[in-house]
Protein backbone atom coordinates (compact mmCIF):
# COMPACT_ATOMS: atom_id res chain seq x y z
CA MET A 1 0.00 0.00 0.00
CA LEU A 2 1.28 3.44 -0.94
CA ILE A 3 1.25 5.91 1.96
CA ALA A 4 1.43 9.65 1.29
CA VAL A 5 1.54 12.52 3.79
CA THR A 6 0.07 15.99 3.25
CA ASP A 7 1.90 19.19 4.16
CA HIS A 8 -0.75 19.85 6.81
CA ALA A 9 -0.02 16.52 8.52
CA VAL A 10 3.72 17.29 8.46
CA GLU A 11 3.16 20.68 10.10
CA ARG A 12 0.88 19.20 12.78
CA PHE A 13 3.46 16.48 13.48
CA ARG A 14 6.26 19.05 13.82
CA GLN A 15 4.19 21.30 16.06
CA ARG A 16 2.58 18.71 18.28
CA VAL A 17 4.88 15.69 18.36
CA GLY A 18 8.32 16.39 16.94
CA THR A 19 10.53 13.92 15.15
CA ARG A 20 12.46 11.24 17.02
CA THR A 21 15.08 10.94 14.28
CA GLY A 22 16.05 14.63 14.12
CA ALA A 23 15.23 14.82 10.41
CA LEU A 24 14.03 18.10 8.94
CA ASP A 25 11.37 16.29 6.92
CA PRO A 26 9.35 13.96 9.16
CA ARG A 27 7.45 12.34 6.25
CA PRO A 28 9.48 9.09 6.32
CA GLU A 29 8.94 8.80 10.09
CA ILE A 30 5.19 9.41 9.72
CA VAL A 31 4.95 6.84 6.91
CA GLY A 32 6.85 4.29 9.01
CA ARG A 33 4.68 4.87 12.06
CA VAL A 34 1.48 4.55 10.04
CA ARG A 35 2.72 1.41 8.25
CA ARG A 36 3.71 -0.32 11.52
CA ALA A 37 0.39 0.64 13.14
CA LEU A 38 -1.55 -0.70 10.15
CA GLU A 39 0.38 -3.98 10.27
CA ALA A 40 -0.43 -4.23 13.99
CA GLY A 41 -4.14 -3.79 13.25
CA ARG A 42 -4.48 -0.40 14.92
CA ALA A 43 -6.75 1.16 12.27
CA SER A 44 -10.44 1.91 12.62
CA GLU A 45 -13.16 3.73 10.72
CA ASP A 46 -14.53 4.98 14.04
CA ALA A 47 -13.35 8.45 15.01
CA PRO A 48 -11.59 8.87 18.36
CA PRO A 49 -13.67 10.33 21.21
CA GLY A 50 -14.13 14.05 20.71
CA ALA A 51 -13.50 13.92 16.95
CA THR A 52 -16.15 14.11 14.27
CA ARG A 53 -16.25 11.05 12.04
CA SER A 54 -15.79 11.78 8.36
CA ARG A 55 -16.97 9.34 5.71
CA GLY A 56 -14.05 7.66 3.96
CA SER A 57 -11.61 8.37 6.76
CA LEU A 58 -9.43 5.83 8.48
CA TYR A 59 -8.06 6.53 11.95
CA VAL A 60 -4.70 4.90 12.69
CA ARG A 61 -3.51 4.84 16.31
CA ASP A 62 0.26 5.17 16.71
CA LEU A 63 2.21 2.37 18.40
CA VAL A 64 4.81 4.69 19.96
CA ASP A 65 2.48 7.38 21.33
CA ARG A 66 -0.90 5.79 22.11
CA ASP A 67 -2.67 9.18 22.31
CA LEU A 68 -1.68 10.05 18.74
CA VAL A 69 -4.12 9.19 15.96
CA PHE A 70 -3.27 9.70 12.28
CA VAL A 71 -6.32 10.82 10.29
CA CYS A 72 -6.15 9.25 6.84
CA ARG A 73 -8.17 8.87 3.64
CA HIS A 74 -7.96 5.56 1.84
CA GLY A 75 -8.89 4.01 -1.46
CA ASP A 76 -7.46 2.14 -4.46
CA GLY A 77 -4.39 0.83 -2.62
CA GLU A 78 -3.40 4.30 -1.40
CA LEU A 79 -3.54 5.86 2.04
CA VAL A 80 -3.11 9.63 2.53
CA VAL A 81 -2.32 10.96 6.01
CA ILE A 82 -4.19 14.26 6.14
CA SER A 83 -3.94 15.30 9.78
CA LEU A 84 -3.26 14.22 13.37
CA TRP A 85 -5.52 13.93 16.36
CA GLU A 86 -4.24 13.84 19.92
CA GLU A 87 -6.62 12.08 22.22
CA GLY A 88 -6.65 13.34 25.77
CA ARG A 89 -3.86 15.86 25.23
CA ILE A 90 -4.45 19.07 27.14
CA GLY A 91 -2.07 21.96 27.26
CA SER A 92 0.77 23.22 25.15
CA PRO A 93 2.45 21.23 22.38
CA ARG A 94 5.41 18.99 23.20
CA VAL A 95 7.56 21.00 20.80
CA PRO A 96 7.90 24.70 21.76
CA ARG A 97 6.72 27.08 19.04
CA ARG A 98 10.12 28.77 18.74
CA PHE A 99 11.54 25.54 17.29
CA THR A 100 8.81 25.08 14.71
CA ASP A 101 8.97 28.77 13.77
CA ALA A 102 12.72 28.45 13.20
CA LEU A 103 12.06 25.75 10.61
CA LYS A 104 9.99 28.18 8.54
CA ARG A 105 12.85 30.66 8.18
């Protein structure tokens, strides 16, 4: 299955989670996390609590961070990660804004 990641999902990942590998482009890490979670059977068409279910969406729960849900669209052998959902997360992001702002410069 081909897995693609939108720019929006990359920005949300940078802002809310941060990369574990230190790479400037977290797409390969996101793809790897989604692939491993899919193989482990951690995908559902039911939205996480507090999220609004969207028809055609697949919600993939991360294996590393159990509160992190990748919001995806699927069809024809392709999966597109469009956003992230953090279940139960309250408060500021794990990555301070000054770091994500520095990446934009």
